[in-house]
Amino acid sequence: MSALAAAERLTFNEIKALLKTTDGNLSVHARKLEDAGYVTCTKGFDGRRPRTEYQLTALGRRELARYLTHMEALIRATRDTLGR
């Protein structure tokens, strides 16, 4: 989701290379994000080669922002605890 937030859209192969993951692993995670409404998946062709592109939805952007806010709060709380 972070990679998609930084780009308007990414292909399956671009995401796979960024995350250094397998086709199967990425497919499972992408499907879950799509089912949740966080990303859209567009399938087409680049010449004769299949091309799958992903893009964050408005809901996906909101949920990513909410997640990041939550993680920042956890980091602050942990730093506060360590500073005592």
PDB file of N, CA and C in Angstrom:
ATOM      1  N   MET A   1       0.836  -1.182   0.000  1.00  0.00           N
ATOM      2  CA  MET A   1       0.000   0.000   0.000  1.00  0.00           C
ATOM      3  C   MET A   1       0.882   1.248   0.000  1.00  0.00           C
ATOM      4  N   SER A   2       1.990   1.208   0.719  1.00  0.00           N
ATOM      5  CA  SER A   2       2.895   2.356   0.741  1.00  0.00           C
ATOM      6  C   SER A   2       3.460   2.628  -0.643  1.00  0.00           C
ATOM      7  N   ALA A   3       3.831   1.585  -1.346  1.00  0.00           N
ATOM      8  CA  ALA A   3       4.366   1.760  -2.698  1.00  0.00           C
ATOM      9  C   ALA A   3       3.313   2.371  -3.617  1.00  0.00           C
ATOM     10  N   LEU A   4       2.081   1.929  -3.482  1.00  0.00           N
ATOM     11  CA  LEU A   4       1.009   2.473  -4.312  1.00  0.00           C
ATOM     12  C   LEU A   4       0.674   3.915  -3.934  1.00  0.00           C
ATOM     13  N   ALA A   5       0.885   4.280  -2.682  1.00  0.00           N
ATOM     14  CA  ALA A   5       0.629   5.656  -2.257  1.00  0.00           C
ATOM     15  C   ALA A   5       1.636   6.612  -2.887  1.00  0.00           C
ATOM     16  N   ALA A   6       2.826   6.101  -3.177  1.00  0.00           N
ATOM     17  CA  ALA A   6       3.874   6.943  -3.754  1.00  0.00           C
ATOM     18  C   ALA A   6       3.795   7.031  -5.278  1.00  0.00           C
ATOM     19  N   ALA A   7       3.000   6.177  -5.883  1.00  0.00           N
ATOM     20  CA  ALA A   7       2.867   6.166  -7.344  1.00  0.00           C
ATOM     21  C   ALA A   7       1.384   6.135  -7.686  1.00  0.00           C
ATOM     22  N   GLU A   8       1.036   6.678  -8.818  1.00  0.00           N
ATOM     23  CA  GLU A   8      -0.384   6.665  -9.197  1.00  0.00           C
ATOM     24  C   GLU A   8      -0.875   5.238  -9.391  1.00  0.00           C
ATOM     25  N   ARG A   9      -0.043   4.416 -10.034  1.00  0.00           N
ATOM     26  CA  ARG A   9      -0.364   2.999 -10.226  1.00  0.00           C
ATOM     27  C   ARG A   9       0.922   2.245 -10.474  1.00  0.00           C
ATOM     28  N   LEU A  10       0.893   0.968 -10.155  1.00  0.00           N
ATOM     29  CA  LEU A  10       2.049   0.096 -10.378  1.00  0.00           C
ATOM     30  C   LEU A  10       1.577  -1.213 -10.973  1.00  0.00           C
ATOM     31  N   THR A  11       2.433  -1.806 -11.797  1.00  0.00           N
ATOM     32  CA  THR A  11       2.109  -3.118 -12.344  1.00  0.00           C
ATOM     33  C   THR A  11       2.441  -4.192 -11.323  1.00  0.00           C
ATOM     34  N   PHE A  12       1.885  -5.362 -11.555  1.00  0.00           N
ATOM     35  CA  PHE A  12       2.160  -6.522 -10.708  1.00  0.00           C
ATOM     36  C   PHE A  12       3.671  -6.751 -10.623  1.00  0.00           C
ATOM     37  N   ASN A  13       4.342  -6.720 -11.773  1.00  0.00           N
ATOM     38  CA  ASN A  13       5.782  -6.983 -11.789  1.00  0.00           C
ATOM     39  C   ASN A  13       6.580  -5.891 -11.087  1.00  0.00           C
ATOM     40  N   GLU A  14       6.140  -4.648 -11.171  1.00  0.00           N
ATOM     41  CA  GLU A  14       6.828  -3.562 -10.456  1.00  0.00           C
ATOM     42  C   GLU A  14       6.708  -3.753  -8.945  1.00  0.00           C
ATOM     43  N   ILE A  15       5.520  -4.102  -8.488  1.00  0.00           N
ATOM     44  CA  ILE A  15       5.315  -4.328  -7.048  1.00  0.00           C
ATOM     45  C   ILE A  15       6.123  -5.540  -6.604  1.00  0.00           C
ATOM     46  N   LYS A  16       6.096  -6.591  -7.394  1.00  0.00           N
ATOM     47  CA  LYS A  16       6.839  -7.811  -7.063  1.00  0.00           C
ATOM     48  C   LYS A  16       8.332  -7.502  -6.914  1.00  0.00           C
ATOM     49  N   ALA A  17       8.873  -6.703  -7.813  1.00  0.00           N
ATOM     50  CA  ALA A  17      10.291  -6.345  -7.742  1.00  0.00           C
ATOM     51  C   ALA A  17      10.580  -5.471  -6.522  1.00  0.00           C
ATOM     52  N   LEU A  18       9.700  -4.512  -6.230  1.00  0.00           N
ATOM     53  CA  LEU A  18       9.891  -3.644  -5.067  1.00  0.00           C
ATOM     54  C   LEU A  18       9.890  -4.428  -3.765  1.00  0.00           C
ATOM     55  N   LEU A  19       8.972  -5.370  -3.657  1.00  0.00           N
ATOM     56  CA  LEU A  19       8.807  -6.129  -2.413  1.00  0.00           C
ATOM     57  C   LEU A  19       9.673  -7.385  -2.355  1.00  0.00           C
ATOM     58  N   LYS A  20      10.272  -7.736  -3.507  1.00  0.00           N
ATOM     59  CA  LYS A  20      11.093  -8.951  -3.583  1.00  0.00           C
ATOM     60  C   LYS A  20      10.313 -10.160  -3.060  1.00  0.00           C
ATOM     61  N   THR A  21       9.146 -10.361  -3.650  1.00  0.00           N
ATOM     62  CA  THR A  21       8.262 -11.436  -3.228  1.00  0.00           C
ATOM     63  C   THR A  21       7.942 -12.346  -4.411  1.00  0.00           C
ATOM     64  N   THR A  22       7.231 -13.401  -4.134  1.00  0.00           N
ATOM     65  CA  THR A  22       6.852 -14.349  -5.184  1.00  0.00           C
ATOM     66  C   THR A  22       5.515 -13.947  -5.810  1.00  0.00           C
ATOM     67  N   ASP A  23       5.242 -14.498  -6.983  1.00  0.00           N
ATOM     68  CA  ASP A  23       3.958 -14.263  -7.642  1.00  0.00           C
ATOM     69  C   ASP A  23       2.801 -14.672  -6.738  1.00  0.00           C
ATOM     70  N   GLY A  24       2.901 -15.862  -6.165  1.00  0.00           N
ATOM     71  CA  GLY A  24       1.820 -16.391  -5.333  1.00  0.00           C
ATOM     72  C   GLY A  24       1.557 -15.539  -4.108  1.00  0.00           C
ATOM     73  N   ASN A  25       2.634 -15.133  -3.431  1.00  0.00           N
ATOM     74  CA  ASN A  25       2.486 -14.316  -2.229  1.00  0.00           C
ATOM     75  C   ASN A  25       1.835 -12.983  -2.568  1.00  0.00           C
ATOM     76  N   LEU A  26       2.317 -12.326  -3.617  1.00  0.00           N
ATOM     77  CA  LEU A  26       1.752 -11.042  -4.006  1.00  0.00           C
ATOM     78  C   LEU A  26       0.306 -11.188  -4.450  1.00  0.00           C
ATOM     79  N   SER A  27      -0.007 -12.240  -5.185  1.00  0.00           N
ATOM     80  CA  SER A  27      -1.381 -12.459  -5.647  1.00  0.00           C
ATOM     81  C   SER A  27      -2.350 -12.565  -4.482  1.00  0.00           C
ATOM     82  N   VAL A  28      -1.971 -13.316  -3.463  1.00  0.00           N
ATOM     83  CA  VAL A  28      -2.842 -13.495  -2.292  1.00  0.00           C
ATOM     84  C   VAL A  28      -3.066 -12.161  -1.585  1.00  0.00           C
ATOM     85  N   HIS A  29      -2.001 -11.423  -1.347  1.00  0.00           N
ATOM     86  CA  HIS A  29      -2.131 -10.141  -0.642  1.00  0.00           C
ATOM     87  C   HIS A  29      -2.901  -9.121  -1.479  1.00  0.00           C
ATOM     88  N   ALA A  30      -2.613  -9.070  -2.767  1.00  0.00           N
ATOM     89  CA  ALA A  30      -3.313  -8.122  -3.637  1.00  0.00           C
ATOM     90  C   ALA A  30      -4.805  -8.423  -3.671  1.00  0.00           C
ATOM     91  N   ARG A  31      -5.161  -9.694  -3.712  1.00  0.00           N
ATOM     92  CA  ARG A  31      -6.580 -10.075  -3.737  1.00  0.00           C
ATOM     93  C   ARG A  31      -7.278  -9.636  -2.452  1.00  0.00           C
ATOM     94  N   LYS A  32      -6.614  -9.803  -1.317  1.00  0.00           N
ATOM     95  CA  LYS A  32      -7.222  -9.384  -0.043  1.00  0.00           C
ATOM     96  C   LYS A  32      -7.420  -7.877  -0.003  1.00  0.00           C
ATOM     97  N   LEU A  33      -6.436  -7.125  -0.503  1.00  0.00           N
ATOM     98  CA  LEU A  33      -6.568  -5.670  -0.539  1.00  0.00           C
ATOM     99  C   LEU A  33      -7.675  -5.243  -1.500  1.00  0.00           C
ATOM    100  N   GLU A  34      -7.789  -5.960  -2.595  1.00  0.00           N
ATOM    101  CA  GLU A  34      -8.853  -5.672  -3.563  1.00  0.00           C
ATOM    102  C   GLU A  34     -10.219  -5.993  -2.961  1.00  0.00           C
ATOM    103  N   ASP A  35     -10.343  -7.144  -2.309  1.00  0.00           N
ATOM    104  CA  ASP A  35     -11.609  -7.535  -1.675  1.00  0.00           C
ATOM    105  C   ASP A  35     -12.035  -6.547  -0.595  1.00  0.00           C
ATOM    106  N   ALA A  36     -11.054  -5.946   0.091  1.00  0.00           N
ATOM    107  CA  ALA A  36     -11.352  -4.964   1.135  1.00  0.00           C
ATOM    108  C   ALA A  36     -11.705  -3.595   0.552  1.00  0.00           C
ATOM    109  N   GLY A  37     -11.485  -3.421  -0.749  1.00  0.00           N
ATOM    110  CA  GLY A  37     -11.786  -2.145  -1.384  1.00  0.00           C
ATOM    111  C   GLY A  37     -10.652  -1.144  -1.286  1.00  0.00           C
ATOM    112  N   TYR A  38      -9.463  -1.593  -0.914  1.00  0.00           N
ATOM    113  CA  TYR A  38      -8.316  -0.699  -0.743  1.00  0.00           C
ATOM    114  C   TYR A  38      -7.567  -0.446  -2.043  1.00  0.00           C
ATOM    115  N   VAL A  39      -7.613  -1.390  -2.967  1.00  0.00           N
ATOM    116  CA  VAL A  39      -6.953  -1.224  -4.265  1.00  0.00           C
ATOM    117  C   VAL A  39      -7.884  -1.679  -5.378  1.00  0.00           C
ATOM    118  N   THR A  40      -7.652  -1.139  -6.563  1.00  0.00           N
ATOM    119  CA  THR A  40      -8.339  -1.635  -7.751  1.00  0.00           C
ATOM    120  C   THR A  40      -7.305  -2.345  -8.615  1.00  0.00           C
ATOM    121  N   CYS A  41      -7.778  -3.322  -9.340  1.00  0.00           N
ATOM    122  CA  CYS A  41      -6.935  -4.125 -10.215  1.00  0.00           C
ATOM    123  C   CYS A  41      -7.484  -3.990 -11.626  1.00  0.00           C
ATOM    124  N   THR A  42      -6.607  -3.602 -12.540  1.00  0.00           N
ATOM    125  CA  THR A  42      -6.983  -3.471 -13.945  1.00  0.00           C
ATOM    126  C   THR A  42      -6.122  -4.425 -14.758  1.00  0.00           C
ATOM    127  N   LYS A  43      -6.774  -5.291 -15.506  1.00  0.00           N
ATOM    128  CA  LYS A  43      -6.044  -6.256 -16.332  1.00  0.00           C
ATOM    129  C   LYS A  43      -6.200  -5.868 -17.796  1.00  0.00           C
ATOM    130  N   GLY A  44      -5.093  -5.983 -18.508  1.00  0.00           N
ATOM    131  CA  GLY A  44      -5.105  -5.667 -19.926  1.00  0.00           C
ATOM    132  C   GLY A  44      -3.913  -6.325 -20.591  1.00  0.00           C
ATOM    133  N   PHE A  45      -3.547  -5.788 -21.727  1.00  0.00           N
ATOM    134  CA  PHE A  45      -2.414  -6.337 -22.467  1.00  0.00           C
ATOM    135  C   PHE A  45      -1.475  -5.217 -22.874  1.00  0.00           C
ATOM    136  N   ASP A  46      -0.204  -5.522 -22.875  1.00  0.00           N
ATOM    137  CA  ASP A  46       0.837  -4.656 -23.397  1.00  0.00           C
ATOM    138  C   ASP A  46       1.378  -5.385 -24.622  1.00  0.00           C
ATOM    139  N   GLY A  47       0.781  -5.095 -25.773  1.00  0.00           N
ATOM    140  CA  GLY A  47       1.043  -5.921 -26.944  1.00  0.00           C
ATOM    141  C   GLY A  47       0.343  -7.248 -26.737  1.00  0.00           C
ATOM    142  N   ARG A  48       1.100  -8.320 -26.740  1.00  0.00           N
ATOM    143  CA  ARG A  48       0.522  -9.652 -26.500  1.00  0.00           C
ATOM    144  C   ARG A  48       0.719 -10.128 -25.062  1.00  0.00           C
ATOM    145  N   ARG A  49       1.430  -9.331 -24.280  1.00  0.00           N
ATOM    146  CA  ARG A  49       1.729  -9.749 -22.912  1.00  0.00           C
ATOM    147  C   ARG A  49       0.667  -9.244 -21.934  1.00  0.00           C
ATOM    148  N   PRO A  50       0.192 -10.090 -21.037  1.00  0.00           N
ATOM    149  CA  PRO A  50      -0.776  -9.640 -20.031  1.00  0.00           C
ATOM    150  C   PRO A  50      -0.147  -8.580 -19.124  1.00  0.00           C
ATOM    151  N   ARG A  51      -0.952  -7.626 -18.712  1.00  0.00           N
ATOM    152  CA  ARG A  51      -0.473  -6.550 -17.834  1.00  0.00           C
ATOM    153  C   ARG A  51      -1.531  -6.320 -16.762  1.00  0.00           C
ATOM    154  N   THR A  52      -1.114  -6.431 -15.505  1.00  0.00           N
ATOM    155  CA  THR A  52      -2.005  -6.195 -14.373  1.00  0.00           C
ATOM    156  C   THR A  52      -1.493  -4.973 -13.621  1.00  0.00           C
ATOM    157  N   GLU A  53      -2.372  -3.989 -13.424  1.00  0.00           N
ATOM    158  CA  GLU A  53      -2.004  -2.767 -12.715  1.00  0.00           C
ATOM    159  C   GLU A  53      -2.871  -2.604 -11.477  1.00  0.00           C
ATOM    160  N   TYR A  54      -2.261  -2.046 -10.439  1.00  0.00           N
ATOM    161  CA  TYR A  54      -2.955  -1.784  -9.188  1.00  0.00           C
ATOM    162  C   TYR A  54      -2.892  -0.298  -8.879  1.00  0.00           C
ATOM    163  N   GLN A  55      -3.968   0.174  -8.228  1.00  0.00           N
ATOM    164  CA  GLN A  55      -4.057   1.575  -7.844  1.00  0.00           C
ATOM    165  C   GLN A  55      -4.800   1.648  -6.516  1.00  0.00           C
ATOM    166  N   LEU A  56      -4.357   2.541  -5.632  1.00  0.00           N
ATOM    167  CA  LEU A  56      -5.065   2.734  -4.368  1.00  0.00           C
ATOM    168  C   LEU A  56      -6.405   3.406  -4.622  1.00  0.00           C
ATOM    169  N   THR A  57      -7.409   2.997  -3.884  1.00  0.00           N
ATOM    170  CA  THR A  57      -8.705   3.669  -3.918  1.00  0.00           C
ATOM    171  C   THR A  57      -8.701   4.783  -2.872  1.00  0.00           C
ATOM    172  N   ALA A  58      -9.722   5.611  -2.882  1.00  0.00           N
ATOM    173  CA  ALA A  58      -9.849   6.653  -1.860  1.00  0.00           C
ATOM    174  C   ALA A  58      -9.929   6.011  -0.480  1.00  0.00           C
ATOM    175  N   LEU A  59     -10.663   4.910  -0.360  1.00  0.00           N
ATOM    176  CA  LEU A  59     -10.747   4.188   0.912  1.00  0.00           C
ATOM    177  C   LEU A  59      -9.369   3.669   1.314  1.00  0.00           C
ATOM    178  N   GLY A  60      -8.626   3.143   0.363  1.00  0.00           N
ATOM    179  CA  GLY A  60      -7.286   2.635   0.650  1.00  0.00           C
ATOM    180  C   GLY A  60      -6.370   3.727   1.171  1.00  0.00           C
ATOM    181  N   ARG A  61      -6.445   4.907   0.585  1.00  0.00           N
ATOM    182  CA  ARG A  61      -5.630   6.036   1.060  1.00  0.00           C
ATOM    183  C   ARG A  61      -6.018   6.439   2.480  1.00  0.00           C
ATOM    184  N   ARG A  62      -7.317   6.491   2.754  1.00  0.00           N
ATOM    185  CA  ARG A  62      -7.772   6.847   4.109  1.00  0.00           C
ATOM    186  C   ARG A  62      -7.317   5.817   5.129  1.00  0.00           C
ATOM    187  N   GLU A  63      -7.454   4.546   4.786  1.00  0.00           N
ATOM    188  CA  GLU A  63      -7.074   3.488   5.724  1.00  0.00           C
ATOM    189  C   GLU A  63      -5.563   3.438   5.935  1.00  0.00           C
ATOM    190  N   LEU A  64      -4.788   3.706   4.897  1.00  0.00           N
ATOM    191  CA  LEU A  64      -3.334   3.763   5.054  1.00  0.00           C
ATOM    192  C   LEU A  64      -2.956   4.924   5.971  1.00  0.00           C
ATOM    193  N   ALA A  65      -3.580   6.069   5.781  1.00  0.00           N
ATOM    194  CA  ALA A  65      -3.320   7.221   6.655  1.00  0.00           C
ATOM    195  C   ALA A  65      -3.684   6.898   8.101  1.00  0.00           C
ATOM    196  N   ARG A  66      -4.806   6.222   8.296  1.00  0.00           N
ATOM    197  CA  ARG A  66      -5.232   5.839   9.653  1.00  0.00           C
ATOM    198  C   ARG A  66      -4.228   4.872  10.275  1.00  0.00           C
ATOM    199  N   TYR A  67      -3.757   3.916   9.509  1.00  0.00           N
ATOM    200  CA  TYR A  67      -2.766   2.957   9.974  1.00  0.00           C
ATOM    201  C   TYR A  67      -1.463   3.664  10.360  1.00  0.00           C
ATOM    202  N   LEU A  68      -1.013   4.588   9.517  1.00  0.00           N
ATOM    203  CA  LEU A  68       0.228   5.301   9.807  1.00  0.00           C
ATOM    204  C   LEU A  68       0.100   6.144  11.068  1.00  0.00           C
ATOM    205  N   THR A  69      -1.048   6.777  11.263  1.00  0.00           N
ATOM    206  CA  THR A  69      -1.288   7.557  12.486  1.00  0.00           C
ATOM    207  C   THR A  69      -1.214   6.649  13.709  1.00  0.00           C
ATOM    208  N   HIS A  70      -1.822   5.474  13.605  1.00  0.00           N
ATOM    209  CA  HIS A  70      -1.795   4.512  14.705  1.00  0.00           C
ATOM    210  C   HIS A  70      -0.358   4.060  14.997  1.00  0.00           C
ATOM    211  N   MET A  71       0.409   3.748  13.961  1.00  0.00           N
ATOM    212  CA  MET A  71       1.784   3.304  14.152  1.00  0.00           C
ATOM    213  C   MET A  71       2.650   4.412  14.751  1.00  0.00           C
ATOM    214  N   GLU A  72       2.435   5.658  14.320  1.00  0.00           N
ATOM    215  CA  GLU A  72       3.177   6.783  14.893  1.00  0.00           C
ATOM    216  C   GLU A  72       2.886   6.922  16.386  1.00  0.00           C
ATOM    217  N   ALA A  73       1.630   6.723  16.782  1.00  0.00           N
ATOM    218  CA  ALA A  73       1.261   6.791  18.199  1.00  0.00           C
ATOM    219  C   ALA A  73       1.948   5.679  18.990  1.00  0.00           C
ATOM    220  N   LEU A  74       2.013   4.476  18.417  1.00  0.00           N
ATOM    221  CA  LEU A  74       2.714   3.373  19.086  1.00  0.00           C
ATOM    222  C   LEU A  74       4.195   3.662  19.245  1.00  0.00           C
ATOM    223  N   ILE A  75       4.799   4.229  18.222  1.00  0.00           N
ATOM    224  CA  ILE A  75       6.219   4.577  18.288  1.00  0.00           C
ATOM    225  C   ILE A  75       6.458   5.628  19.368  1.00  0.00           C
ATOM    226  N   ARG A  76       5.613   6.663  19.398  1.00  0.00           N
ATOM    227  CA  ARG A  76       5.749   7.695  20.438  1.00  0.00           C
ATOM    228  C   ARG A  76       5.609   7.101  21.826  1.00  0.00           C
ATOM    229  N   ALA A  77       4.615   6.234  22.012  1.00  0.00           N
ATOM    230  CA  ALA A  77       4.389   5.624  23.320  1.00  0.00           C
ATOM    231  C   ALA A  77       5.586   4.760  23.724  1.00  0.00           C
ATOM    232  N   THR A  78       6.147   4.040  22.791  1.00  0.00           N
ATOM    233  CA  THR A  78       7.309   3.204  23.084  1.00  0.00           C
ATOM    234  C   THR A  78       8.510   4.060  23.440  1.00  0.00           C
ATOM    235  N   ARG A  79       8.738   5.142  22.685  1.00  0.00           N
ATOM    236  CA  ARG A  79       9.854   6.032  22.995  1.00  0.00           C
ATOM    237  C   ARG A  79       9.678   6.678  24.367  1.00  0.00           C
ATOM    238  N   ASP A  80       8.439   7.072  24.686  1.00  0.00           N
ATOM    239  CA  ASP A  80       8.167   7.651  26.006  1.00  0.00           C
ATOM    240  C   ASP A  80       8.484   6.659  27.110  1.00  0.00           C
ATOM    241  N   THR A  81       8.110   5.413  26.915  1.00  0.00           N
ATOM    242  CA  THR A  81       8.369   4.362  27.899  1.00  0.00           C
ATOM    243  C   THR A  81       9.874   4.125  28.061  1.00  0.00           C
ATOM    244  N   LEU A  82      10.598   4.119  26.968  1.00  0.00           N
ATOM    245  CA  LEU A  82      12.044   3.908  27.033  1.00  0.00           C
ATOM    246  C   LEU A  82      12.768   5.076  27.667  1.00  0.00           C
ATOM    247  N   GLY A  83      12.183   6.270  27.552  1.00  0.00           N
ATOM    248  CA  GLY A  83      12.819   7.478  28.091  1.00  0.00           C
ATOM    249  C   GLY A  83      12.653   7.659  29.584  1.00  0.00           C
ATOM    250  N   ARG A  84      11.868   6.807  30.217  1.00  0.00           N
ATOM    251  CA  ARG A  84      11.633   6.971  31.670  1.00  0.00           C
ATOM    252  C   ARG A  84      12.812   6.567  32.486  1.00  0.00           C
TER     253      ARG A  84
END
